[in-house]
Amino acid sequence: MSKRVAHINRILKLQHQLHQLSEWVLVSLDQKNRTLIENQERVLTALSGGDLALHDRFIRNASRRLKTIASEQSRLMETRQTVEAGLQRQERMMEVTRRQLGHMEREAKASAEKQQLELVLDAMMAGNDASLTQAPERTIRAKQDVNREPR
């Protein structure tokens, strides 16, 4: 049982790392988007005033640049939506894994308590002075060795 709990813990840690990576990607995409917006504003500012705004070549180049920025922003937003969807999926998976881990830990605890109770009862039935809080060490080890042997 403890191997399964450890395995689920490792899965949860991996999911958490993937979640952090996705968040980092989102931050990176947002930074790129801000850079594109700043570039777009610079081009528009240059177009709106100055002597260069009157030259056809400058207007043509600025227009191409604005189209390029718009297409990059479009791709960036699509990528961001994809990453956000993955992030939400990862959050749901982490929640399911957390619930599963909690369930497995409760099962492991209940199993250990049941085994300890069985040991105390066995010791009491054997006529030994056994406390209800702790079974004799020899009886516990003997019972565990019997449980480990193949049947």
N, C-alpha and C. Protein backbone atom coordinates (compact mmCIF):
# COMPACT_ATOMS: atom_id res chain seq x y z
N MET A 1 0.83 -1.19 0.00
CA MET A 1 0.00 0.00 0.00
C MET A 1 0.87 1.25 0.00
N SER A 2 1.97 1.23 0.77
CA SER A 2 2.81 2.42 0.84
C SER A 2 3.51 2.68 -0.50
N LYS A 3 3.77 1.62 -1.26
CA LYS A 3 4.36 1.81 -2.58
C LYS A 3 3.40 2.57 -3.50
N ARG A 4 2.11 2.22 -3.38
CA ARG A 4 1.11 2.91 -4.20
C ARG A 4 0.99 4.37 -3.79
N VAL A 5 1.04 4.64 -2.49
CA VAL A 5 0.97 6.02 -2.00
C VAL A 5 2.18 6.80 -2.49
N ALA A 6 3.37 6.19 -2.43
CA ALA A 6 4.58 6.86 -2.91
C ALA A 6 4.49 7.11 -4.41
N HIS A 7 3.96 6.14 -5.14
CA HIS A 7 3.81 6.29 -6.59
C HIS A 7 2.85 7.45 -6.92
N ILE A 8 1.75 7.51 -6.22
CA ILE A 8 0.78 8.59 -6.45
C ILE A 8 1.38 9.93 -6.06
N ASN A 9 2.18 9.95 -5.00
CA ASN A 9 2.87 11.18 -4.60
C ASN A 9 3.81 11.66 -5.71
N ARG A 10 4.54 10.74 -6.31
CA ARG A 10 5.44 11.10 -7.42
C ARG A 10 4.65 11.66 -8.60
N ILE A 11 3.52 11.04 -8.90
CA ILE A 11 2.68 11.52 -10.00
C ILE A 11 2.18 12.92 -9.69
N LEU A 12 1.77 13.15 -8.46
CA LEU A 12 1.28 14.48 -8.06
C LEU A 12 2.39 15.52 -8.18
N LYS A 13 3.60 15.18 -7.79
CA LYS A 13 4.72 16.13 -7.91
C LYS A 13 5.00 16.44 -9.38
N LEU A 14 4.96 15.43 -10.22
CA LEU A 14 5.17 15.64 -11.66
C LEU A 14 4.07 16.53 -12.24
N GLN A 15 2.83 16.28 -11.85
CA GLN A 15 1.74 17.11 -12.34
C GLN A 15 1.91 18.55 -11.87
N HIS A 16 2.39 18.73 -10.65
CA HIS A 16 2.62 20.08 -10.14
C HIS A 16 3.71 20.78 -10.96
N GLN A 17 4.76 20.06 -11.31
CA GLN A 17 5.83 20.64 -12.12
C GLN A 17 5.31 21.01 -13.51
N LEU A 18 4.49 20.15 -14.11
CA LEU A 18 3.91 20.47 -15.42
C LEU A 18 3.01 21.69 -15.32
N HIS A 19 2.28 21.80 -14.23
CA HIS A 19 1.41 22.96 -14.00
C HIS A 19 2.26 24.23 -13.92
N GLN A 20 3.35 24.19 -13.18
CA GLN A 20 4.23 25.35 -13.07
C GLN A 20 4.83 25.71 -14.43
N LEU A 21 5.21 24.72 -15.21
CA LEU A 21 5.76 24.97 -16.54
C LEU A 21 4.73 25.65 -17.42
N SER A 22 3.49 25.20 -17.37
CA SER A 22 2.43 25.81 -18.17
C SER A 22 2.20 27.26 -17.74
N GLU A 23 2.25 27.51 -16.44
CA GLU A 23 2.10 28.89 -15.96
C GLU A 23 3.24 29.75 -16.47
N TRP A 24 4.45 29.21 -16.48
CA TRP A 24 5.60 29.95 -16.99
C TRP A 24 5.43 30.26 -18.48
N VAL A 25 4.93 29.30 -19.23
CA VAL A 25 4.69 29.51 -20.66
C VAL A 25 3.66 30.63 -20.86
N LEU A 26 2.60 30.64 -20.05
CA LEU A 26 1.60 31.70 -20.15
C LEU A 26 2.21 33.07 -19.88
N VAL A 27 3.06 33.17 -18.87
CA VAL A 27 3.72 34.44 -18.56
C VAL A 27 4.60 34.86 -19.72
N SER A 28 5.31 33.91 -20.29
CA SER A 28 6.18 34.20 -21.44
C SER A 28 5.35 34.69 -22.63
N LEU A 29 4.23 34.05 -22.88
CA LEU A 29 3.36 34.48 -23.99
C LEU A 29 2.81 35.87 -23.75
N ASP A 30 2.44 36.17 -22.51
CA ASP A 30 1.94 37.51 -22.19
C ASP A 30 3.03 38.57 -22.39
N GLN A 31 4.27 38.24 -22.04
CA GLN A 31 5.37 39.18 -22.26
C GLN A 31 5.58 39.43 -23.75
N LYS A 32 5.52 38.38 -24.54
CA LYS A 32 5.67 38.54 -25.99
C LYS A 32 4.53 39.39 -26.55
N ASN A 33 3.33 39.19 -26.04
CA ASN A 33 2.19 39.98 -26.51
C ASN A 33 2.39 41.46 -26.17
N ARG A 34 2.87 41.74 -24.96
CA ARG A 34 3.14 43.14 -24.60
C ARG A 34 4.18 43.76 -25.52
N THR A 35 5.20 43.00 -25.87
CA THR A 35 6.24 43.50 -26.78
C THR A 35 5.64 43.80 -28.15
N LEU A 36 4.79 42.91 -28.64
CA LEU A 36 4.14 43.15 -29.94
C LEU A 36 3.26 44.39 -29.90
N ILE A 37 2.53 44.57 -28.80
CA ILE A 37 1.68 45.77 -28.68
C ILE A 37 2.53 47.03 -28.68
N GLU A 38 3.66 47.00 -27.97
CA GLU A 38 4.56 48.16 -27.95
C GLU A 38 5.09 48.45 -29.36
N ASN A 39 5.47 47.41 -30.08
CA ASN A 39 5.95 47.60 -31.46
C ASN A 39 4.87 48.19 -32.35
N GLN A 40 3.66 47.70 -32.19
CA GLN A 40 2.54 48.20 -32.96
C GLN A 40 2.30 49.68 -32.66
N GLU A 41 2.36 50.04 -31.41
CA GLU A 41 2.15 51.45 -31.03
C GLU A 41 3.25 52.34 -31.61
N ARG A 42 4.50 51.84 -31.62
CA ARG A 42 5.60 52.64 -32.21
C ARG A 42 5.37 52.89 -33.70
N VAL A 43 4.94 51.87 -34.40
CA VAL A 43 4.70 52.01 -35.84
C VAL A 43 3.55 52.99 -36.07
N LEU A 44 2.49 52.85 -35.28
CA LEU A 44 1.35 53.76 -35.45
C LEU A 44 1.71 55.19 -35.10
N THR A 45 2.55 55.37 -34.09
CA THR A 45 3.00 56.72 -33.72
C THR A 45 3.82 57.33 -34.84
N ALA A 46 4.69 56.52 -35.43
CA ALA A 46 5.50 57.02 -36.55
C ALA A 46 4.63 57.36 -37.75
N LEU A 47 3.58 56.57 -37.96
CA LEU A 47 2.67 56.85 -39.08
C LEU A 47 1.83 58.11 -38.85
N SER A 48 1.51 58.36 -37.61
CA SER A 48 0.59 59.46 -37.33
C SER A 48 1.25 60.84 -37.43
N GLY A 49 2.54 60.91 -37.41
CA GLY A 49 3.16 62.24 -37.49
C GLY A 49 4.52 62.16 -38.14
N GLY A 50 5.06 63.30 -38.45
CA GLY A 50 6.41 63.37 -39.00
C GLY A 50 6.40 63.39 -40.52
N ASP A 51 7.55 63.75 -41.03
CA ASP A 51 7.71 63.87 -42.48
C ASP A 51 7.73 62.51 -43.17
N LEU A 52 8.20 61.48 -42.46
CA LEU A 52 8.28 60.16 -43.07
C LEU A 52 6.89 59.57 -43.36
N ALA A 53 5.90 60.03 -42.63
CA ALA A 53 4.55 59.50 -42.83
C ALA A 53 4.01 59.86 -44.20
N LEU A 54 4.60 60.83 -44.85
CA LEU A 54 4.13 61.24 -46.16
C LEU A 54 4.73 60.42 -47.30
N HIS A 55 5.75 59.64 -47.04
CA HIS A 55 6.40 58.86 -48.09
C HIS A 55 5.71 57.51 -48.26
N ASP A 56 5.43 57.17 -49.50
CA ASP A 56 4.73 55.92 -49.81
C ASP A 56 5.50 54.68 -49.35
N ARG A 57 6.81 54.70 -49.54
CA ARG A 57 7.63 53.56 -49.15
C ARG A 57 7.52 53.31 -47.65
N PHE A 58 7.59 54.35 -46.87
CA PHE A 58 7.49 54.21 -45.41
C PHE A 58 6.12 53.67 -45.02
N ILE A 59 5.08 54.18 -45.67
CA ILE A 59 3.72 53.73 -45.37
C ILE A 59 3.56 52.25 -45.74
N ARG A 60 4.12 51.86 -46.88
CA ARG A 60 4.06 50.46 -47.30
C ARG A 60 4.77 49.55 -46.29
N ASN A 61 5.96 49.92 -45.87
CA ASN A 61 6.72 49.12 -44.90
C ASN A 61 6.01 49.07 -43.54
N ALA A 62 5.47 50.21 -43.13
CA ALA A 62 4.76 50.25 -41.85
C ALA A 62 3.51 49.38 -41.93
N SER A 63 2.85 49.39 -43.05
CA SER A 63 1.65 48.57 -43.23
C SER A 63 2.00 47.09 -43.15
N ARG A 64 3.09 46.69 -43.81
CA ARG A 64 3.53 45.29 -43.75
C ARG A 64 3.88 44.90 -42.31
N ARG A 65 4.57 45.81 -41.65
CA ARG A 65 4.96 45.53 -40.26
C ARG A 65 3.72 45.35 -39.37
N LEU A 66 2.72 46.19 -39.56
CA LEU A 66 1.50 46.08 -38.77
C LEU A 66 0.78 44.76 -39.05
N LYS A 67 0.78 44.33 -40.32
CA LYS A 67 0.17 43.04 -40.66
C LYS A 67 0.92 41.89 -40.01
N THR A 68 2.24 41.98 -40.03
CA THR A 68 3.07 40.94 -39.40
C THR A 68 2.80 40.87 -37.90
N ILE A 69 2.74 42.03 -37.27
CA ILE A 69 2.47 42.08 -35.83
C ILE A 69 1.09 41.49 -35.53
N ALA A 70 0.11 41.82 -36.36
CA ALA A 70 -1.25 41.30 -36.15
C ALA A 70 -1.29 39.78 -36.29
N SER A 71 -0.59 39.25 -37.27
CA SER A 71 -0.58 37.79 -37.45
C SER A 71 0.16 37.10 -36.30
N GLU A 72 1.26 37.72 -35.82
CA GLU A 72 1.97 37.16 -34.68
C GLU A 72 1.09 37.17 -33.43
N GLN A 73 0.34 38.25 -33.25
CA GLN A 73 -0.56 38.32 -32.10
C GLN A 73 -1.65 37.26 -32.20
N SER A 74 -2.14 37.04 -33.39
CA SER A 74 -3.17 36.03 -33.59
C SER A 74 -2.64 34.64 -33.22
N ARG A 75 -1.45 34.30 -33.71
CA ARG A 75 -0.84 33.00 -33.37
C ARG A 75 -0.57 32.89 -31.87
N LEU A 76 -0.13 33.99 -31.30
CA LEU A 76 0.16 34.03 -29.88
C LEU A 76 -1.10 33.78 -29.05
N MET A 77 -2.20 34.38 -29.45
CA MET A 77 -3.46 34.19 -28.72
C MET A 77 -3.97 32.75 -28.86
N GLU A 78 -3.81 32.17 -30.05
CA GLU A 78 -4.21 30.77 -30.24
C GLU A 78 -3.38 29.86 -29.35
N THR A 79 -2.07 30.11 -29.31
CA THR A 79 -1.18 29.32 -28.47
C THR A 79 -1.55 29.49 -27.00
N ARG A 80 -1.86 30.72 -26.61
CA ARG A 80 -2.23 31.00 -25.22
C ARG A 80 -3.51 30.25 -24.84
N GLN A 81 -4.48 30.23 -25.74
CA GLN A 81 -5.72 29.50 -25.46
C GLN A 81 -5.46 28.01 -25.30
N THR A 82 -4.58 27.47 -26.14
CA THR A 82 -4.22 26.06 -26.05
C THR A 82 -3.54 25.75 -24.71
N VAL A 83 -2.59 26.62 -24.33
CA VAL A 83 -1.87 26.41 -23.08
C VAL A 83 -2.83 26.56 -21.89
N GLU A 84 -3.73 27.53 -21.95
CA GLU A 84 -4.71 27.71 -20.87
C GLU A 84 -5.61 26.47 -20.73
N ALA A 85 -6.02 25.91 -21.85
CA ALA A 85 -6.85 24.70 -21.81
C ALA A 85 -6.06 23.55 -21.17
N GLY A 86 -4.79 23.43 -21.54
CA GLY A 86 -3.94 22.40 -20.93
C GLY A 86 -3.75 22.63 -19.45
N LEU A 87 -3.61 23.89 -19.07
CA LEU A 87 -3.44 24.24 -17.66
C LEU A 87 -4.68 23.86 -16.86
N GLN A 88 -5.84 24.13 -17.40
CA GLN A 88 -7.08 23.76 -16.71
C GLN A 88 -7.21 22.24 -16.60
N ARG A 89 -6.83 21.54 -17.66
CA ARG A 89 -6.87 20.08 -17.64
C ARG A 89 -5.91 19.54 -16.58
N GLN A 90 -4.72 20.14 -16.49
CA GLN A 90 -3.74 19.72 -15.49
C GLN A 90 -4.26 19.98 -14.07
N GLU A 91 -4.94 21.10 -13.87
CA GLU A 91 -5.51 21.40 -12.56
C GLU A 91 -6.55 20.35 -12.17
N ARG A 92 -7.38 19.95 -13.13
CA ARG A 92 -8.37 18.91 -12.83
C ARG A 92 -7.69 17.58 -12.52
N MET A 93 -6.66 17.25 -13.28
CA MET A 93 -5.93 16.00 -13.03
C MET A 93 -5.26 16.02 -11.66
N MET A 94 -4.70 17.17 -11.28
CA MET A 94 -4.07 17.28 -9.97
C MET A 94 -5.10 17.09 -8.86
N GLU A 95 -6.28 17.64 -9.04
CA GLU A 95 -7.33 17.49 -8.03
C GLU A 95 -7.74 16.03 -7.89
N VAL A 96 -7.89 15.34 -9.01
CA VAL A 96 -8.24 13.92 -8.98
C VAL A 96 -7.13 13.13 -8.28
N THR A 97 -5.89 13.44 -8.59
CA THR A 97 -4.76 12.74 -7.98
C THR A 97 -4.70 13.02 -6.49
N ARG A 98 -4.96 14.26 -6.09
CA ARG A 98 -4.98 14.59 -4.65
C ARG A 98 -6.06 13.78 -3.92
N ARG A 99 -7.23 13.70 -4.53
CA ARG A 99 -8.31 12.91 -3.92
C ARG A 99 -7.91 11.44 -3.81
N GLN A 100 -7.31 10.93 -4.87
CA GLN A 100 -6.89 9.53 -4.88
C GLN A 100 -5.82 9.30 -3.81
N LEU A 101 -4.89 10.23 -3.68
CA LEU A 101 -3.85 10.11 -2.67
C LEU A 101 -4.46 10.13 -1.26
N GLY A 102 -5.39 11.02 -1.02
CA GLY A 102 -6.06 11.06 0.28
C GLY A 102 -6.77 9.76 0.58
N HIS A 103 -7.45 9.22 -0.43
CA HIS A 103 -8.15 7.95 -0.26
C HIS A 103 -7.17 6.83 0.07
N MET A 104 -6.06 6.78 -0.66
CA MET A 104 -5.06 5.73 -0.43
C MET A 104 -4.43 5.87 0.96
N GLU A 105 -4.17 7.10 1.40
CA GLU A 105 -3.59 7.30 2.72
C GLU A 105 -4.58 6.88 3.81
N ARG A 106 -5.86 7.18 3.62
CA ARG A 106 -6.87 6.75 4.60
C ARG A 106 -6.96 5.23 4.64
N GLU A 107 -6.90 4.60 3.47
CA GLU A 107 -6.93 3.14 3.42
C GLU A 107 -5.72 2.54 4.12
N ALA A 108 -4.55 3.11 3.88
CA ALA A 108 -3.32 2.60 4.51
C ALA A 108 -3.40 2.75 6.03
N LYS A 109 -3.90 3.88 6.48
CA LYS A 109 -4.03 4.10 7.92
C LYS A 109 -5.03 3.11 8.53
N ALA A 110 -6.16 2.93 7.87
CA ALA A 110 -7.17 1.99 8.37
C ALA A 110 -6.62 0.57 8.40
N SER A 111 -5.86 0.21 7.39
CA SER A 111 -5.28 -1.13 7.34
C SER A 111 -4.28 -1.33 8.47
N ALA A 112 -3.45 -0.32 8.72
CA ALA A 112 -2.47 -0.42 9.80
C ALA A 112 -3.17 -0.50 11.15
N GLU A 113 -4.24 0.27 11.32
CA GLU A 113 -4.99 0.22 12.58
C GLU A 113 -5.66 -1.14 12.77
N LYS A 114 -6.19 -1.67 11.69
CA LYS A 114 -6.84 -2.98 11.76
C LYS A 114 -5.82 -4.06 12.10
N GLN A 115 -4.66 -3.99 11.50
CA GLN A 115 -3.62 -4.98 11.77
C GLN A 115 -3.17 -4.88 13.23
N GLN A 116 -3.01 -3.66 13.73
CA GLN A 116 -2.61 -3.49 15.11
C GLN A 116 -3.69 -4.01 16.06
N LEU A 117 -4.94 -3.77 15.74
CA LEU A 117 -6.04 -4.28 16.57
C LEU A 117 -6.05 -5.81 16.57
N GLU A 118 -5.82 -6.41 15.41
CA GLU A 118 -5.75 -7.86 15.33
C GLU A 118 -4.62 -8.40 16.20
N LEU A 119 -3.50 -7.72 16.20
CA LEU A 119 -2.37 -8.16 17.02
C LEU A 119 -2.69 -8.07 18.51
N VAL A 120 -3.34 -6.98 18.90
CA VAL A 120 -3.72 -6.82 20.30
C VAL A 120 -4.72 -7.90 20.70
N LEU A 121 -5.71 -8.16 19.85
CA LEU A 121 -6.70 -9.19 20.14
C LEU A 121 -6.06 -10.58 20.21
N ASP A 122 -5.14 -10.85 19.29
CA ASP A 122 -4.44 -12.14 19.32
C ASP A 122 -3.65 -12.29 20.61
N ALA A 123 -3.01 -11.22 21.03
CA ALA A 123 -2.22 -11.27 22.27
C ALA A 123 -3.14 -11.48 23.47
N MET A 124 -4.30 -10.83 23.44
CA MET A 124 -5.25 -11.01 24.54
C MET A 124 -5.80 -12.42 24.57
N MET A 125 -6.06 -12.98 23.40
CA MET A 125 -6.59 -14.34 23.33
C MET A 125 -5.54 -15.36 23.78
N ALA A 126 -4.29 -15.04 23.59
CA ALA A 126 -3.22 -15.94 23.99
C ALA A 126 -3.00 -15.89 25.50
N GLY A 127 -3.63 -14.93 26.18
CA GLY A 127 -3.52 -14.86 27.62
C GLY A 127 -2.43 -13.92 28.09
N ASN A 128 -1.78 -13.25 27.16
CA ASN A 128 -0.74 -12.31 27.54
C ASN A 128 -1.37 -11.04 28.10
N ASP A 129 -0.61 -10.31 28.88
CA ASP A 129 -1.06 -8.99 29.33
C ASP A 129 -0.77 -8.02 28.20
N ALA A 130 -1.79 -7.64 27.49
CA ALA A 130 -1.61 -6.75 26.35
C ALA A 130 -2.40 -5.48 26.59
N SER A 131 -1.76 -4.42 26.32
CA SER A 131 -2.41 -3.12 26.44
C SER A 131 -3.19 -2.85 25.17
N LEU A 132 -4.27 -2.13 25.29
CA LEU A 132 -5.04 -1.79 24.10
C LEU A 132 -4.36 -0.70 23.28
N THR A 133 -3.40 -0.01 23.86
CA THR A 133 -2.74 1.07 23.12
C THR A 133 -1.54 0.57 22.35
N GLN A 134 -0.93 -0.53 22.84
CA GLN A 134 0.26 -1.02 22.15
C GLN A 134 0.39 -2.52 22.38
N ALA A 135 0.54 -3.27 21.32
CA ALA A 135 0.70 -4.72 21.41
C ALA A 135 2.15 -5.04 21.74
N PRO A 136 2.39 -6.19 22.36
CA PRO A 136 3.77 -6.58 22.65
C PRO A 136 4.59 -6.68 21.37
N GLU A 137 5.82 -6.25 21.45
CA GLU A 137 6.71 -6.17 20.28
C GLU A 137 6.91 -7.54 19.63
N ARG A 138 7.12 -8.57 20.41
CA ARG A 138 7.35 -9.91 19.84
C ARG A 138 6.12 -10.41 19.08
N THR A 139 4.95 -10.15 19.62
CA THR A 139 3.72 -10.60 18.99
C THR A 139 3.51 -9.87 17.67
N ILE A 140 3.81 -8.59 17.65
CA ILE A 140 3.65 -7.79 16.42
C ILE A 140 4.57 -8.32 15.34
N ARG A 141 5.82 -8.54 15.71
CA ARG A 141 6.79 -9.03 14.70
C ARG A 141 6.41 -10.43 14.22
N ALA A 142 5.99 -11.26 15.13
CA ALA A 142 5.61 -12.62 14.75
C ALA A 142 4.42 -12.59 13.81
N LYS A 143 3.43 -11.78 14.11
CA LYS A 143 2.24 -11.68 13.26
C LYS A 143 2.59 -11.13 11.88
N GLN A 144 3.48 -10.13 11.84
CA GLN A 144 3.87 -9.55 10.56
C GLN A 144 4.65 -10.56 9.72
N ASP A 145 5.51 -11.36 10.39
CA ASP A 145 6.26 -12.38 9.66
C ASP A 145 5.33 -13.43 9.08
N VAL A 146 4.29 -13.79 9.82
CA VAL A 146 3.32 -14.77 9.33
C VAL A 146 2.58 -14.19 8.13
N ASN A 147 2.22 -12.90 8.19
CA ASN A 147 1.50 -12.27 7.09
C ASN A 147 2.36 -12.14 5.84
N ARG A 148 3.65 -12.07 5.99
CA ARG A 148 4.55 -11.89 4.84
C ARG A 148 4.86 -13.20 4.12
N GLU A 149 4.73 -14.34 4.85
CA GLU A 149 5.05 -15.62 4.24
C GLU A 149 4.03 -15.95 3.15
N PRO A 150 4.50 -16.52 2.02
CA PRO A 150 3.56 -16.90 0.95
C PRO A 150 2.68 -18.04 1.40
N ARG A 151 1.43 -18.02 0.98
CA ARG A 151 0.46 -19.03 1.39
C ARG A 151 0.28 -20.08 0.35
